[in-house]
Amino acid sequence: MITGAKIVLDVRLDAARDGLAGLAGVNWMMSLPWRRAAYHGHPAGRARRGPSDDRAARPVAVTFGSVTAPAADQIILPFRWEPAEPGGGLTVQVSGSITLARAVACGHSALTLAGICQIPSGALAPDDFEEIRLELMEASREFITTVARDVSRAAGSGSEPGPVGPAWAW
């Protein structure tokens, strides 16, 4: 399953570049609410009653790779989401990248997430696919917004820079 999200920053490209590059090699722990994490760290899971469903948030490990710069006005930072808890249940991984590029609006930049959610064959019932897709979109939107805030904070211009508007996902 493919996921994507985009957000525009009120930060110039050069300042945002330094902020995004600062995430290279960093590891985060993300906590997803139980309704999305009932599959033991599945970033797009949905609540399903069962022996492992304790209705608590589930940790997801986020690992950022090394920055690449395919063009002067673009950098790419790979990432990976993995369940932080071992055990039974469905375990899904999301691998992808965040691309920083100029936004259409002057003086702004944009972060675009593109990733692939790997779901084991036969792990989902046919009726679950649409709900899982919607949950993955929400998790991607939350993730790119968190990255945007971190990049904006690291850019640190005098005012409080940040996202220009909400992130959207597909």
C-alpha atoms as a PDB file:
ATOM      1  CA  MET A   1       0.000   0.000   0.000  1.00  0.00           C
ATOM      2  CA  ILE A   2       1.404   3.410  -0.974  1.00  0.00           C
ATOM      3  CA  THR A   3       1.162   6.465   1.276  1.00  0.00           C
ATOM      4  CA  GLY A   4       1.984  10.110   0.796  1.00  0.00           C
ATOM      5  CA  ALA A   5       1.634  13.442   2.562  1.00  0.00           C
ATOM      6  CA  LYS A   6       2.651  17.036   1.929  1.00  0.00           C
ATOM      7  CA  ILE A   7       2.964  20.198   4.002  1.00  0.00           C
ATOM      8  CA  VAL A   8       4.138  23.720   3.156  1.00  0.00           C
ATOM      9  CA  LEU A   9       6.524  25.465   5.556  1.00  0.00           C
ATOM     10  CA  ASP A  10       6.875  29.171   6.274  1.00  0.00           C
ATOM     11  CA  VAL A  11      10.636  28.658   6.061  1.00  0.00           C
ATOM     12  CA  ARG A  12      13.044  29.406   3.225  1.00  0.00           C
ATOM     13  CA  LEU A  13      14.570  26.401   1.499  1.00  0.00           C
ATOM     14  CA  ASP A  14      18.143  26.950   2.772  1.00  0.00           C
ATOM     15  CA  ALA A  15      17.017  27.145   6.423  1.00  0.00           C
ATOM     16  CA  ALA A  16      14.674  24.162   6.022  1.00  0.00           C
ATOM     17  CA  ARG A  17      17.509  22.182   4.388  1.00  0.00           C
ATOM     18  CA  ASP A  18      19.620  22.542   7.529  1.00  0.00           C
ATOM     19  CA  GLY A  19      16.670  21.551   9.722  1.00  0.00           C
ATOM     20  CA  LEU A  20      15.880  18.421   7.712  1.00  0.00           C
ATOM     21  CA  ALA A  21      19.559  17.463   7.474  1.00  0.00           C
ATOM     22  CA  GLY A  22      19.656  17.598  11.272  1.00  0.00           C
ATOM     23  CA  LEU A  23      17.335  14.573  11.373  1.00  0.00           C
ATOM     24  CA  ALA A  24      19.761  12.382   9.397  1.00  0.00           C
ATOM     25  CA  GLY A  25      20.747   9.319  11.423  1.00  0.00           C
ATOM     26  CA  VAL A  26      18.303  10.190  14.222  1.00  0.00           C
ATOM     27  CA  ASN A  27      15.919   7.670  15.802  1.00  0.00           C
ATOM     28  CA  TRP A  28      12.526   8.628  17.206  1.00  0.00           C
ATOM     29  CA  MET A  29       9.864   6.794  19.112  1.00  0.00           C
ATOM     30  CA  MET A  30       6.358   7.611  17.939  1.00  0.00           C
ATOM     31  CA  SER A  31       3.373   6.683  20.006  1.00  0.00           C
ATOM     32  CA  LEU A  32       0.260   5.819  18.061  1.00  0.00           C
ATOM     33  CA  PRO A  33      -3.134   5.656  19.749  1.00  0.00           C
ATOM     34  CA  TRP A  34      -4.526   2.180  20.361  1.00  0.00           C
ATOM     35  CA  ARG A  35      -7.067   2.506  17.582  1.00  0.00           C
ATOM     36  CA  ARG A  36      -4.223   2.614  15.074  1.00  0.00           C
ATOM     37  CA  ALA A  37      -1.839   0.397  16.943  1.00  0.00           C
ATOM     38  CA  ALA A  38      -3.833  -2.645  17.938  1.00  0.00           C
ATOM     39  CA  TYR A  39      -1.705  -4.625  15.493  1.00  0.00           C
ATOM     40  CA  HIS A  40       1.412  -4.207  17.652  1.00  0.00           C
ATOM     41  CA  GLY A  41       2.949  -1.086  16.163  1.00  0.00           C
ATOM     42  CA  HIS A  42       1.145  -1.168  12.837  1.00  0.00           C
ATOM     43  CA  PRO A  43       1.245   2.530  11.853  1.00  0.00           C
ATOM     44  CA  ALA A  44      -2.024   2.128  10.013  1.00  0.00           C
ATOM     45  CA  GLY A  45      -3.713  -0.528  12.128  1.00  0.00           C
ATOM     46  CA  ARG A  46      -7.196  -0.324  13.529  1.00  0.00           C
ATOM     47  CA  ALA A  47      -8.629  -1.319  16.849  1.00  0.00           C
ATOM     48  CA  ARG A  48      -9.677  -4.912  16.969  1.00  0.00           C
ATOM     49  CA  ARG A  49     -10.601  -6.607  20.211  1.00  0.00           C
ATOM     50  CA  GLY A  50      -8.356  -9.467  21.049  1.00  0.00           C
ATOM     51  CA  PRO A  51      -5.996 -10.842  23.679  1.00  0.00           C
ATOM     52  CA  SER A  52      -3.277  -8.300  22.862  1.00  0.00           C
ATOM     53  CA  ASP A  53      -5.587  -5.275  22.777  1.00  0.00           C
ATOM     54  CA  ASP A  54      -4.911  -3.406  26.018  1.00  0.00           C
ATOM     55  CA  ARG A  55      -6.121  -0.053  24.614  1.00  0.00           C
ATOM     56  CA  ALA A  56      -2.783   1.617  25.355  1.00  0.00           C
ATOM     57  CA  ALA A  57      -0.654   3.579  22.929  1.00  0.00           C
ATOM     58  CA  ARG A  58       1.851   1.477  21.018  1.00  0.00           C
ATOM     59  CA  PRO A  59       5.376   2.627  20.326  1.00  0.00           C
ATOM     60  CA  VAL A  60       6.681   2.762  16.765  1.00  0.00           C
ATOM     61  CA  ALA A  61      10.398   3.189  16.112  1.00  0.00           C
ATOM     62  CA  VAL A  62      11.227   5.752  13.432  1.00  0.00           C
ATOM     63  CA  THR A  63      14.700   5.632  11.910  1.00  0.00           C
ATOM     64  CA  PHE A  64      15.979   8.348   9.592  1.00  0.00           C
ATOM     65  CA  GLY A  65      18.700   7.543   7.060  1.00  0.00           C
ATOM     66  CA  SER A  66      21.313   9.735   5.396  1.00  0.00           C
ATOM     67  CA  VAL A  67      20.430  12.833   3.404  1.00  0.00           C
ATOM     68  CA  THR A  68      20.933  12.842  -0.350  1.00  0.00           C
ATOM     69  CA  ALA A  69      20.813  15.913  -2.571  1.00  0.00           C
ATOM     70  CA  PRO A  70      19.840  15.011  -6.146  1.00  0.00           C
ATOM     71  CA  ALA A  71      19.556  18.717  -7.054  1.00  0.00           C
ATOM     72  CA  ALA A  72      20.604  22.057  -5.578  1.00  0.00           C
ATOM     73  CA  ASP A  73      17.023  22.896  -4.629  1.00  0.00           C
ATOM     74  CA  GLN A  74      16.025  19.490  -3.253  1.00  0.00           C
ATOM     75  CA  ILE A  75      17.122  17.065  -0.541  1.00  0.00           C
ATOM     76  CA  ILE A  76      15.783  13.630   0.345  1.00  0.00           C
ATOM     77  CA  LEU A  77      15.773  11.982   3.766  1.00  0.00           C
ATOM     78  CA  PRO A  78      14.808   8.280   3.901  1.00  0.00           C
ATOM     79  CA  PHE A  79      12.898   6.949   6.913  1.00  0.00           C
ATOM     80  CA  ARG A  80      11.481   3.696   8.236  1.00  0.00           C
ATOM     81  CA  TRP A  81       8.697   2.939  10.743  1.00  0.00           C
ATOM     82  CA  GLU A  82       8.889  -0.364  12.581  1.00  0.00           C
ATOM     83  CA  PRO A  83       6.950  -1.814  15.487  1.00  0.00           C
ATOM     84  CA  ALA A  84       8.926  -1.259  18.679  1.00  0.00           C
ATOM     85  CA  GLU A  85       7.299  -4.204  20.431  1.00  0.00           C
ATOM     86  CA  PRO A  86       8.009  -7.808  19.535  1.00  0.00           C
ATOM     87  CA  GLY A  87       5.245 -10.310  19.695  1.00  0.00           C
ATOM     88  CA  GLY A  88       2.302 -11.727  17.876  1.00  0.00           C
ATOM     89  CA  GLY A  89      -0.161  -9.915  15.732  1.00  0.00           C
ATOM     90  CA  LEU A  90       0.291  -8.169  12.477  1.00  0.00           C
ATOM     91  CA  THR A  91       3.573  -6.305  12.122  1.00  0.00           C
ATOM     92  CA  VAL A  92       3.818  -3.799   9.328  1.00  0.00           C
ATOM     93  CA  GLN A  93       6.686  -1.600   8.267  1.00  0.00           C
ATOM     94  CA  VAL A  94       6.619   1.675   6.382  1.00  0.00           C
ATOM     95  CA  SER A  95       9.655   2.597   4.306  1.00  0.00           C
ATOM     96  CA  GLY A  96       9.874   5.858   2.438  1.00  0.00           C
ATOM     97  CA  SER A  97      11.444   9.253   2.077  1.00  0.00           C
ATOM     98  CA  ILE A  98      10.777  12.886   2.856  1.00  0.00           C
ATOM     99  CA  THR A  99      11.678  15.304   0.071  1.00  0.00           C
ATOM    100  CA  LEU A 100      12.303  18.977   0.748  1.00  0.00           C
ATOM    101  CA  ALA A 101      11.840  21.319  -2.215  1.00  0.00           C
ATOM    102  CA  ARG A 102      10.755  24.855  -2.997  1.00  0.00           C
ATOM    103  CA  ALA A 103       7.074  25.581  -2.595  1.00  0.00           C
ATOM    104  CA  VAL A 104       5.145  27.585  -5.184  1.00  0.00           C
ATOM    105  CA  ALA A 105       4.791  30.503  -2.752  1.00  0.00           C
ATOM    106  CA  CYS A 106       7.876  32.720  -2.600  1.00  0.00           C
ATOM    107  CA  GLY A 107       9.965  32.203   0.530  1.00  0.00           C
ATOM    108  CA  HIS A 108       8.311  28.916   1.426  1.00  0.00           C
ATOM    109  CA  SER A 109       9.433  25.314   1.198  1.00  0.00           C
ATOM    110  CA  ALA A 110       7.514  22.046   1.131  1.00  0.00           C
ATOM    111  CA  LEU A 111       8.006  18.606   2.648  1.00  0.00           C
ATOM    112  CA  THR A 112       6.591  15.631   0.752  1.00  0.00           C
ATOM    113  CA  LEU A 113       6.425  12.141   2.212  1.00  0.00           C
ATOM    114  CA  ALA A 114       6.275   9.102  -0.062  1.00  0.00           C
ATOM    115  CA  GLY A 115       6.263   5.609   1.389  1.00  0.00           C
ATOM    116  CA  ILE A 116       5.250   2.012   1.064  1.00  0.00           C
ATOM    117  CA  CYS A 117       3.403   0.176   3.817  1.00  0.00           C
ATOM    118  CA  GLN A 118       4.296  -3.499   3.751  1.00  0.00           C
ATOM    119  CA  ILE A 119       1.439  -5.701   4.873  1.00  0.00           C
ATOM    120  CA  PRO A 120       1.972  -9.468   4.988  1.00  0.00           C
ATOM    121  CA  SER A 121      -0.058 -11.331   2.391  1.00  0.00           C
ATOM    122  CA  GLY A 122      -3.398 -12.492   3.735  1.00  0.00           C
ATOM    123  CA  ALA A 123      -3.078 -10.441   6.942  1.00  0.00           C
ATOM    124  CA  LEU A 124      -6.137  -8.310   6.191  1.00  0.00           C
ATOM    125  CA  ALA A 125      -9.704  -9.239   5.479  1.00  0.00           C
ATOM    126  CA  PRO A 126     -11.009  -7.644   2.250  1.00  0.00           C
ATOM    127  CA  ASP A 127     -13.250  -5.307   4.264  1.00  0.00           C
ATOM    128  CA  ASP A 128     -10.280  -3.982   6.271  1.00  0.00           C
ATOM    129  CA  PHE A 129      -8.346  -2.495   3.353  1.00  0.00           C
ATOM    130  CA  GLU A 130     -10.192   0.854   3.122  1.00  0.00           C
ATOM    131  CA  GLU A 131     -10.092   1.490   6.854  1.00  0.00           C
ATOM    132  CA  ILE A 132      -6.389   0.647   6.974  1.00  0.00           C
ATOM    133  CA  ARG A 133      -5.754   3.004   4.038  1.00  0.00           C
ATOM    134  CA  LEU A 134      -7.544   5.859   5.827  1.00  0.00           C
ATOM    135  CA  GLU A 135      -5.638   5.215   9.056  1.00  0.00           C
ATOM    136  CA  LEU A 136      -2.336   5.141   7.170  1.00  0.00           C
ATOM    137  CA  MET A 137      -3.216   8.499   5.606  1.00  0.00           C
ATOM    138  CA  GLU A 138      -3.898   9.962   9.052  1.00  0.00           C
ATOM    139  CA  ALA A 139      -0.660   8.558  10.502  1.00  0.00           C
ATOM    140  CA  SER A 140       1.294   9.947   7.510  1.00  0.00           C
ATOM    141  CA  ARG A 141      -0.306  13.365   7.948  1.00  0.00           C
ATOM    142  CA  GLU A 142       0.570  13.408  11.665  1.00  0.00           C
ATOM    143  CA  PHE A 143       4.119  12.265  10.958  1.00  0.00           C
ATOM    144  CA  ILE A 144       4.861  14.885   8.260  1.00  0.00           C
ATOM    145  CA  THR A 145       3.391  17.582  10.527  1.00  0.00           C
ATOM    146  CA  THR A 146       5.701  16.511  13.360  1.00  0.00           C
ATOM    147  CA  VAL A 147       8.707  16.552  11.009  1.00  0.00           C
ATOM    148  CA  ALA A 148       7.633  19.989   9.709  1.00  0.00           C
ATOM    149  CA  ARG A 149       7.496  21.415  13.225  1.00  0.00           C
ATOM    150  CA  ASP A 150      10.929  19.987  13.997  1.00  0.00           C
ATOM    151  CA  VAL A 151      12.420  21.368  10.758  1.00  0.00           C
ATOM    152  CA  SER A 152      10.816  24.768  11.365  1.00  0.00           C
ATOM    153  CA  ARG A 153      12.061  24.890  14.952  1.00  0.00           C
ATOM    154  CA  ALA A 154      15.595  24.020  13.798  1.00  0.00           C
ATOM    155  CA  ALA A 155      15.406  26.758  11.120  1.00  0.00           C
ATOM    156  CA  GLY A 156      14.845  29.141  14.041  1.00  0.00           C
ATOM    157  CA  SER A 157      14.205  32.493  12.425  1.00  0.00           C
ATOM    158  CA  GLY A 158      13.235  35.284  14.843  1.00  0.00           C
ATOM    159  CA  SER A 159       9.501  34.635  14.677  1.00  0.00           C
ATOM    160  CA  GLU A 160       7.931  31.254  15.334  1.00  0.00           C
ATOM    161  CA  PRO A 161       8.078  29.668  11.867  1.00  0.00           C
ATOM    162  CA  GLY A 162       6.005  26.645  11.148  1.00  0.00           C
ATOM    163  CA  PRO A 163       3.685  25.007   8.713  1.00  0.00           C
ATOM    164  CA  VAL A 164       1.677  27.430   6.569  1.00  0.00           C
ATOM    165  CA  GLY A 165      -1.359  25.198   6.709  1.00  0.00           C
ATOM    166  CA  PRO A 166      -2.432  21.676   7.472  1.00  0.00           C
ATOM    167  CA  ALA A 167      -0.800  18.672   5.873  1.00  0.00           C
ATOM    168  CA  TRP A 168      -2.735  16.655   3.349  1.00  0.00           C
ATOM    169  CA  ALA A 169      -2.295  12.989   2.617  1.00  0.00           C
ATOM    170  CA  TRP A 170      -3.148  10.410  -0.021  1.00  0.00           C
END
